[in-house]
Amino acid sequence: MKFAKLIRRNLFRNKLRSFLMIVLMGAIFFLVATLIQILTTFETMGGAPTSDRLVVQSAFSLATMLPYSHEQKLRQVPGVVEVCKSQWLGGYYKERRNTFAILSLDAEKFKTVFPEFTISDDENAAFIRDRQGAIVGDDLMKRFGWKIGDRITLHREIFPFDPEVTIRGVVHHTVMGSVLYLHQDYFNEALKWNRVGTFWVKVKDPNQMAALSQQIDAAFKNSEDPTETFTEKEFNRQFVNMMGNIKVFFGAISFCSIFMIVLLAAITMSMAARERVTEVAVLKAIGFGRGLILGLMLTEFVVTTLMGFVVGVGGAALLYRSIDIAKWTMGFLPNFRLYPSTALICGVAAIAVGLLAGGLPSMKSANLSVVDGLRKVV
Protein backbone atom coordinates (compact mmCIF):
# COMPACT_ATOMS: atom_id res chain seq x y z
CA MET A 1 0.00 0.00 0.00
CA LYS A 2 2.47 2.59 -1.25
CA PHE A 3 -0.08 5.44 -1.30
CA ALA A 4 -2.10 4.43 1.79
CA LYS A 5 -1.06 7.52 3.76
CA LEU A 6 -2.03 9.85 0.90
CA ILE A 7 -5.42 8.13 0.55
CA ARG A 8 -6.04 8.32 4.31
CA ARG A 9 -5.29 12.03 4.48
CA ASN A 10 -7.51 12.81 1.52
CA LEU A 11 -10.38 10.80 3.02
CA PHE A 12 -10.53 13.13 6.00
CA ARG A 13 -9.47 16.35 4.32
CA ASN A 14 -12.76 17.88 5.48
CA LYS A 15 -13.48 15.92 8.68
CA LEU A 16 -16.99 17.21 9.30
CA ARG A 17 -18.16 16.57 5.74
CA SER A 18 -16.60 13.09 5.70
CA PHE A 19 -18.17 12.23 9.06
CA LEU A 20 -21.66 13.38 8.05
CA MET A 21 -21.46 11.59 4.72
CA ILE A 22 -20.40 8.30 6.34
CA VAL A 23 -23.14 8.56 8.98
CA LEU A 24 -25.84 9.31 6.41
CA MET A 25 -24.70 6.50 4.14
CA GLY A 26 -24.61 4.24 7.19
CA ALA A 27 -28.22 5.09 8.00
CA ILE A 28 -29.31 4.28 4.44
CA PHE A 29 -27.37 1.00 4.38
CA PHE A 30 -28.95 0.13 7.73
CA LEU A 31 -32.39 0.59 6.14
CA VAL A 32 -31.48 -1.41 3.03
CA ALA A 33 -30.00 -4.27 5.06
CA THR A 34 -33.08 -4.39 7.28
CA LEU A 35 -35.48 -4.51 4.33
CA ILE A 36 -33.48 -7.24 2.59
CA GLN A 37 -33.33 -9.27 5.80
CA ILE A 38 -37.08 -8.95 6.38
CA LEU A 39 -37.68 -10.34 2.89
CA THR A 40 -35.24 -13.18 3.58
CA THR A 41 -37.03 -13.95 6.84
CA PHE A 42 -40.38 -14.08 5.01
CA GLU A 43 -38.86 -16.55 2.53
CA THR A 44 -37.61 -18.82 5.33
CA MET A 45 -40.53 -18.33 7.73
CA GLY A 46 -41.60 -21.93 7.42
CA GLY A 47 -38.08 -23.21 7.89
CA ALA A 48 -36.00 -24.96 5.30
CA PRO A 49 -38.53 -26.85 3.16
CA THR A 50 -37.86 -30.57 2.97
CA SER A 51 -38.06 -32.48 -0.29
CA ASP A 52 -40.36 -35.21 1.03
CA ARG A 53 -43.45 -33.30 2.21
CA LEU A 54 -46.59 -32.17 0.41
CA VAL A 55 -49.27 -29.86 1.79
CA VAL A 56 -52.92 -30.52 0.93
CA GLN A 57 -55.41 -27.67 1.33
CA SER A 58 -58.84 -26.77 -0.02
CA ALA A 59 -58.97 -25.91 -3.72
CA PHE A 60 -61.16 -22.90 -2.85
CA SER A 61 -58.82 -21.17 -0.39
CA LEU A 62 -56.59 -21.77 2.58
CA ALA A 63 -59.36 -20.43 4.81
CA THR A 64 -61.74 -23.21 3.71
CA MET A 65 -61.38 -26.27 5.92
CA LEU A 66 -61.33 -29.88 4.77
CA PRO A 67 -63.12 -32.84 6.40
CA TYR A 68 -61.19 -35.33 8.54
CA SER A 69 -62.41 -38.09 6.20
CA HIS A 70 -59.86 -36.95 3.60
CA GLU A 71 -57.10 -38.36 5.80
CA GLN A 72 -58.08 -41.99 5.19
CA LYS A 73 -58.11 -41.49 1.41
CA LEU A 74 -54.72 -39.78 1.54
CA ARG A 75 -53.23 -42.74 3.39
CA GLN A 76 -54.45 -45.04 0.61
CA VAL A 77 -52.47 -43.20 -2.06
CA PRO A 78 -49.42 -45.33 -3.01
CA GLY A 79 -46.18 -43.64 -1.92
CA VAL A 80 -47.65 -41.82 1.10
CA VAL A 81 -45.74 -42.63 4.30
CA GLU A 82 -47.65 -40.58 6.89
CA VAL A 83 -50.30 -37.86 7.14
CA CYS A 84 -50.48 -35.15 9.83
CA LYS A 85 -53.42 -32.77 10.25
CA SER A 86 -52.59 -29.15 11.08
CA GLN A 87 -54.60 -25.99 11.74
CA TRP A 88 -53.45 -22.39 12.15
CA LEU A 89 -55.28 -20.97 15.18
CA GLY A 90 -53.86 -17.53 15.81
CA GLY A 91 -54.02 -16.02 19.27
CA TYR A 92 -52.15 -14.23 22.00
CA TYR A 93 -51.02 -14.54 25.61
CA LYS A 94 -52.58 -12.11 28.14
CA GLU A 95 -52.39 -9.04 25.83
CA ARG A 96 -52.76 -8.55 22.08
CA ARG A 97 -49.20 -7.31 21.79
CA ASN A 98 -48.17 -10.84 22.82
CA THR A 99 -49.37 -12.38 19.55
CA PHE A 100 -47.50 -15.39 18.18
CA ALA A 101 -48.07 -18.43 15.97
CA ILE A 102 -50.31 -21.14 17.46
CA LEU A 103 -50.83 -24.39 15.57
CA SER A 104 -52.82 -27.51 16.36
CA LEU A 105 -51.60 -30.84 14.97
CA ASP A 106 -51.63 -34.59 15.41
CA ALA A 107 -49.28 -35.07 18.34
CA GLU A 108 -48.55 -38.72 17.52
CA LYS A 109 -47.45 -37.88 13.97
CA PHE A 110 -45.39 -34.79 14.75
CA LYS A 111 -41.92 -36.34 15.01
CA THR A 112 -42.49 -38.63 12.01
CA VAL A 113 -43.67 -35.94 9.61
CA PHE A 114 -41.43 -33.13 10.96
CA PRO A 115 -38.15 -34.82 11.95
CA GLU A 116 -36.16 -31.57 11.72
CA PHE A 117 -37.83 -30.36 14.94
CA THR A 118 -35.83 -31.49 17.97
CA ILE A 119 -37.55 -32.51 21.22
CA SER A 120 -36.58 -35.09 23.85
CA ASP A 121 -38.41 -38.41 23.76
CA ASP A 122 -39.70 -37.95 27.32
CA GLU A 123 -41.13 -34.50 26.62
CA ASN A 124 -42.68 -35.67 23.37
CA ALA A 125 -44.27 -38.64 25.15
CA ALA A 126 -45.65 -36.32 27.85
CA PHE A 127 -47.12 -34.09 25.12
CA ILE A 128 -48.79 -37.06 23.42
CA ARG A 129 -50.30 -38.32 26.69
CA ASP A 130 -51.81 -34.98 27.76
CA ARG A 131 -54.75 -33.99 25.54
CA GLN A 132 -54.38 -30.40 26.81
CA GLY A 133 -50.62 -30.45 26.58
CA ALA A 134 -48.48 -28.18 24.42
CA ILE A 135 -44.93 -28.02 23.14
CA VAL A 136 -43.36 -24.60 22.72
CA GLY A 137 -40.48 -23.18 20.67
CA ASP A 138 -37.38 -22.29 22.67
CA ASP A 139 -37.50 -18.60 21.67
CA LEU A 140 -41.08 -18.35 22.94
CA MET A 141 -40.13 -19.99 26.23
CA LYS A 142 -37.40 -17.38 26.78
CA ARG A 143 -39.66 -14.51 25.73
CA PHE A 144 -42.31 -15.19 28.38
CA GLY A 145 -40.14 -16.95 30.96
CA TRP A 146 -42.24 -20.11 30.80
CA LYS A 147 -41.18 -23.43 32.30
CA ILE A 148 -42.22 -27.02 31.59
CA GLY A 149 -45.33 -27.76 33.65
CA ASP A 150 -46.70 -24.18 33.50
CA ARG A 151 -50.44 -23.90 32.88
CA ILE A 152 -51.30 -21.03 30.52
CA THR A 153 -54.44 -19.64 28.89
CA LEU A 154 -54.32 -18.40 25.30
CA HIS A 155 -56.86 -16.01 23.79
CA ARG A 156 -58.65 -16.37 20.47
CA GLU A 157 -58.18 -14.41 17.28
CA ILE A 158 -59.89 -16.62 14.67
CA PHE A 159 -61.91 -19.43 16.26
CA PRO A 160 -64.26 -19.23 19.30
CA PHE A 161 -61.75 -21.20 21.33
CA ASP A 162 -59.47 -20.05 24.19
CA PRO A 163 -57.03 -22.94 24.72
CA GLU A 164 -55.92 -23.75 28.26
CA VAL A 165 -52.76 -25.81 27.96
CA THR A 166 -49.95 -27.22 30.07
CA ILE A 167 -46.44 -26.90 28.66
CA ARG A 168 -45.05 -30.42 28.31
CA GLY A 169 -41.93 -29.83 26.26
CA VAL A 170 -39.59 -27.45 24.48
CA VAL A 171 -39.09 -27.90 20.75
CA HIS A 172 -35.97 -26.62 18.97
CA HIS A 173 -35.82 -25.44 15.37
CA THR A 174 -33.47 -23.15 13.48
CA VAL A 175 -36.31 -20.84 12.37
CA MET A 176 -39.59 -21.85 14.01
CA GLY A 177 -38.60 -20.90 17.55
CA SER A 178 -41.65 -18.75 18.34
CA VAL A 179 -44.47 -21.25 17.75
CA LEU A 180 -46.74 -23.09 20.20
CA TYR A 181 -48.19 -26.48 19.19
CA LEU A 182 -51.24 -28.09 20.80
CA HIS A 183 -53.36 -31.18 20.13
CA GLN A 184 -55.61 -31.24 17.09
CA ASP A 185 -57.99 -33.47 19.10
CA TYR A 186 -58.30 -30.81 21.81
CA PHE A 187 -59.18 -28.20 19.19
CA ASN A 188 -61.68 -30.56 17.53
CA GLU A 189 -63.40 -31.51 20.79
CA ALA A 190 -63.70 -27.89 21.91
CA LEU A 191 -65.41 -26.79 18.66
CA LYS A 192 -67.24 -30.09 18.04
CA TRP A 193 -66.42 -30.40 14.37
CA ASN A 194 -64.25 -32.65 12.23
CA ARG A 195 -62.55 -30.29 9.84
CA VAL A 196 -58.99 -29.04 9.47
CA GLY A 197 -57.07 -26.51 7.42
CA THR A 198 -54.24 -28.60 5.97
CA PHE A 199 -52.92 -32.14 5.71
CA TRP A 200 -49.12 -32.52 5.70
CA VAL A 201 -48.16 -35.60 3.69
CA LYS A 202 -44.77 -37.28 4.04
CA VAL A 203 -43.91 -39.18 0.85
CA LYS A 204 -41.63 -42.13 0.27
CA ASP A 205 -39.99 -41.01 -2.98
CA PRO A 206 -39.31 -37.26 -3.43
CA ASN A 207 -38.97 -37.83 -7.18
CA GLN A 208 -42.68 -38.68 -7.31
CA MET A 209 -43.86 -35.40 -5.72
CA ALA A 210 -45.44 -34.00 -8.89
CA ALA A 211 -47.21 -37.25 -9.76
CA LEU A 212 -48.47 -37.67 -6.18
CA SER A 213 -49.81 -34.09 -6.14
CA GLN A 214 -51.84 -34.75 -9.29
CA GLN A 215 -53.04 -38.10 -7.98
CA ILE A 216 -54.21 -36.61 -4.69
CA ASP A 217 -56.09 -33.75 -6.32
CA ALA A 218 -57.67 -36.11 -8.86
CA ALA A 219 -58.97 -38.30 -6.01
CA PHE A 220 -61.00 -35.39 -4.59
CA LYS A 221 -61.80 -33.55 -7.83
CA ASN A 222 -65.50 -34.45 -7.93
CA SER A 223 -66.10 -34.32 -4.17
CA GLU A 224 -67.72 -31.49 -2.23
CA ASP A 225 -64.29 -30.62 -0.88
CA PRO A 226 -61.77 -30.63 -3.75
CA THR A 227 -58.12 -30.16 -2.86
CA GLU A 228 -55.04 -28.40 -4.12
CA THR A 229 -51.68 -29.94 -3.29
CA PHE A 230 -48.41 -28.03 -3.05
CA THR A 231 -44.81 -28.79 -2.27
CA GLU A 232 -43.77 -27.29 1.04
CA LYS A 233 -41.77 -24.56 -0.71
CA GLU A 234 -44.77 -23.52 -2.81
CA PHE A 235 -47.01 -23.55 0.24
CA ASN A 236 -44.65 -21.30 2.23
CA ARG A 237 -44.53 -18.86 -0.69
CA GLN A 238 -48.29 -18.39 -0.39
CA PHE A 239 -47.89 -16.56 2.90
CA VAL A 240 -45.63 -13.96 1.31
CA ASN A 241 -48.04 -13.57 -1.60
CA MET A 242 -51.00 -13.12 0.78
CA MET A 243 -49.30 -10.01 2.12
CA GLY A 244 -49.49 -8.41 -1.31
CA ASN A 245 -46.48 -7.89 -3.53
CA ILE A 246 -44.37 -6.96 -0.54
CA LYS A 247 -41.21 -8.18 -2.22
CA VAL A 248 -41.58 -5.64 -5.03
CA PHE A 249 -42.52 -2.93 -2.52
CA PHE A 250 -39.48 -3.53 -0.30
CA GLY A 251 -37.30 -3.93 -3.37
CA ALA A 252 -38.46 -0.55 -4.66
CA ILE A 253 -37.67 1.09 -1.34
CA SER A 254 -34.21 -0.52 -1.33
CA PHE A 255 -33.57 0.63 -4.91
CA CYS A 256 -34.63 4.19 -4.08
CA SER A 257 -32.40 4.14 -1.00
CA ILE A 258 -29.39 3.03 -3.07
CA PHE A 259 -30.21 5.74 -5.63
CA MET A 260 -30.20 8.30 -2.80
CA ILE A 261 -26.75 7.09 -1.75
CA VAL A 262 -25.48 7.46 -5.31
CA LEU A 263 -26.77 11.04 -5.51
CA LEU A 264 -25.41 11.92 -2.08
CA ALA A 265 -22.02 10.41 -2.83
CA ALA A 266 -21.85 11.99 -6.31
CA ILE A 267 -22.51 15.48 -4.95
CA THR A 268 -20.02 15.10 -2.11
CA MET A 269 -17.35 13.54 -4.30
CA SER A 270 -17.75 16.22 -6.97
CA MET A 271 -17.14 18.85 -4.30
CA ALA A 272 -14.07 17.00 -3.05
CA ALA A 273 -12.69 16.62 -6.58
CA ARG A 274 -13.28 20.30 -7.36
CA GLU A 275 -11.34 21.33 -4.27
CA ARG A 276 -8.38 19.26 -5.37
CA VAL A 277 -7.86 20.63 -8.89
CA THR A 278 -4.57 22.31 -8.03
CA GLU A 279 -3.33 19.31 -6.07
CA VAL A 280 -4.04 17.00 -9.01
CA ALA A 281 -2.22 19.35 -11.37
CA VAL A 282 0.84 19.34 -9.08
CA LEU A 283 0.77 15.54 -8.86
CA LYS A 284 0.70 15.26 -12.65
CA ALA A 285 3.53 17.81 -12.89
CA ILE A 286 5.78 15.67 -10.67
CA GLY A 287 5.10 12.49 -12.63
CA PHE A 288 1.82 10.96 -11.46
CA GLY A 289 0.12 9.39 -14.46
CA ARG A 290 -3.53 9.68 -15.47
CA GLY A 291 -4.27 6.07 -14.55
CA LEU A 292 -2.64 6.37 -11.13
CA ILE A 293 -4.60 9.51 -10.23
CA LEU A 294 -7.83 7.91 -11.42
CA GLY A 295 -7.10 4.81 -9.33
CA LEU A 296 -6.23 6.80 -6.21
CA MET A 297 -9.38 8.91 -6.35
CA LEU A 298 -11.65 5.94 -7.06
CA THR A 299 -10.05 4.08 -4.17
CA GLU A 300 -10.79 7.00 -1.84
CA PHE A 301 -14.42 7.16 -2.91
CA VAL A 302 -14.95 3.39 -2.66
CA VAL A 303 -13.33 3.31 0.79
CA THR A 304 -15.70 6.10 1.86
CA THR A 305 -18.79 4.16 0.78
CA LEU A 306 -17.42 0.99 2.39
CA MET A 307 -17.04 2.88 5.66
CA GLY A 308 -20.70 3.86 5.40
CA PHE A 309 -21.48 0.19 4.73
CA VAL A 310 -19.56 -0.91 7.83
CA VAL A 311 -21.35 1.65 10.01
CA GLY A 312 -24.83 0.77 8.70
CA VAL A 313 -24.62 -3.00 8.27
CA GLY A 314 -22.36 -3.50 11.28
CA GLY A 315 -24.76 -1.45 13.40
CA ALA A 316 -27.71 -3.49 12.14
CA ALA A 317 -25.94 -6.78 12.91
CA LEU A 318 -25.11 -5.67 16.48
CA LEU A 319 -28.60 -4.29 17.08
CA TYR A 320 -30.44 -7.40 15.91
CA ARG A 321 -28.17 -9.60 18.00
CA SER A 322 -28.79 -7.58 21.15
CA ILE A 323 -32.59 -7.17 21.00
CA ASP A 324 -35.40 -9.66 20.47
CA ILE A 325 -37.10 -8.54 17.26
CA ALA A 326 -39.71 -11.29 17.62
CA LYS A 327 -40.87 -9.63 20.83
CA TRP A 328 -41.22 -6.21 19.21
CA THR A 329 -43.01 -7.62 16.16
CA MET A 330 -45.31 -9.85 18.23
CA GLY A 331 -43.55 -12.98 17.00
CA PHE A 332 -43.88 -12.01 13.34
CA LEU A 333 -40.13 -12.05 12.68
CA PRO A 334 -38.81 -15.03 14.63
CA ASN A 335 -35.06 -15.49 15.11
CA PHE A 336 -34.37 -12.24 13.21
CA ARG A 337 -30.65 -11.84 12.52
CA LEU A 338 -28.58 -10.25 9.78
CA TYR A 339 -27.44 -13.07 7.48
CA PRO A 340 -24.00 -13.02 5.80
CA SER A 341 -25.75 -13.07 2.41
CA THR A 342 -27.50 -9.78 3.27
CA ALA A 343 -24.19 -8.20 4.31
CA LEU A 344 -22.61 -9.42 1.06
CA ILE A 345 -25.35 -7.81 -1.05
CA CYS A 346 -24.91 -4.50 0.77
CA GLY A 347 -21.11 -4.73 0.46
CA VAL A 348 -21.31 -5.19 -3.31
CA ALA A 349 -23.80 -2.29 -3.46
CA ALA A 350 -21.36 -0.10 -1.51
CA ILE A 351 -18.52 -0.80 -3.95
CA ALA A 352 -20.83 -0.16 -6.91
CA VAL A 353 -21.99 3.13 -5.39
CA GLY A 354 -18.39 4.26 -4.89
CA LEU A 355 -17.47 3.45 -8.50
CA LEU A 356 -20.62 4.98 -9.99
CA ALA A 357 -20.67 8.14 -7.90
CA GLY A 358 -16.94 8.71 -8.01
CA GLY A 359 -16.39 7.70 -11.61
CA LEU A 360 -17.19 11.01 -13.33
CA PRO A 361 -15.40 13.32 -10.83
CA SER A 362 -12.35 11.01 -10.89
CA MET A 363 -12.18 10.92 -14.70
CA LYS A 364 -12.52 14.71 -14.94
CA SER A 365 -9.69 15.18 -12.47
CA ALA A 366 -7.49 12.56 -14.14
CA ASN A 367 -8.00 14.14 -17.57
CA LEU A 368 -7.26 17.66 -16.34
CA SER A 369 -4.12 19.15 -17.89
CA VAL A 370 -1.38 20.57 -15.67
CA VAL A 371 -1.76 24.05 -17.20
CA ASP A 372 -5.54 24.16 -16.70
CA GLY A 373 -5.18 22.93 -13.14
CA LEU A 374 -2.56 25.50 -12.14
CA ARG A 375 -4.34 28.34 -13.98
CA LYS A 376 -7.15 28.18 -11.42
CA VAL A 377 -4.69 29.38 -8.78
CA VAL A 378 -2.38 31.70 -10.78
Foldseek 3Di string as FASTA:
>chain_A
DVCVVVLVCLCCVPVVVLVVLLQLLLQLLLLLLVLVLVVVLLLQQVHDFDLFKKKKFFPVDLPDWDFLVLQVVLVPQPFFDHKKFKAWWWWAFPDPLLTATEMEMALVCCCVLPVQKDWDPQLSVVQNVDQQAKEAAPVQCVVVVDDQQDWGWIGGDPDPDIRTHGYRIYIYHPNPRGYMYHHPVSVCVVVVHGIGSMMMTGGRDSVCVVVSQVVSQVVCVPPPGGIGMDRPSVVSVVVVVVVPPVVVVSVVSSVVSLVVSLVSLLVVLLVSLVVCLLVLLVCVVVPDALVNQLVSSLVSLLVSLVSSLCSNVVVSQVVPVVDQVCSSNSNPRTPRGRDPVSSVVSSVSSSVSSCNSNVVSSNVSSPDHSVVSCVVPD
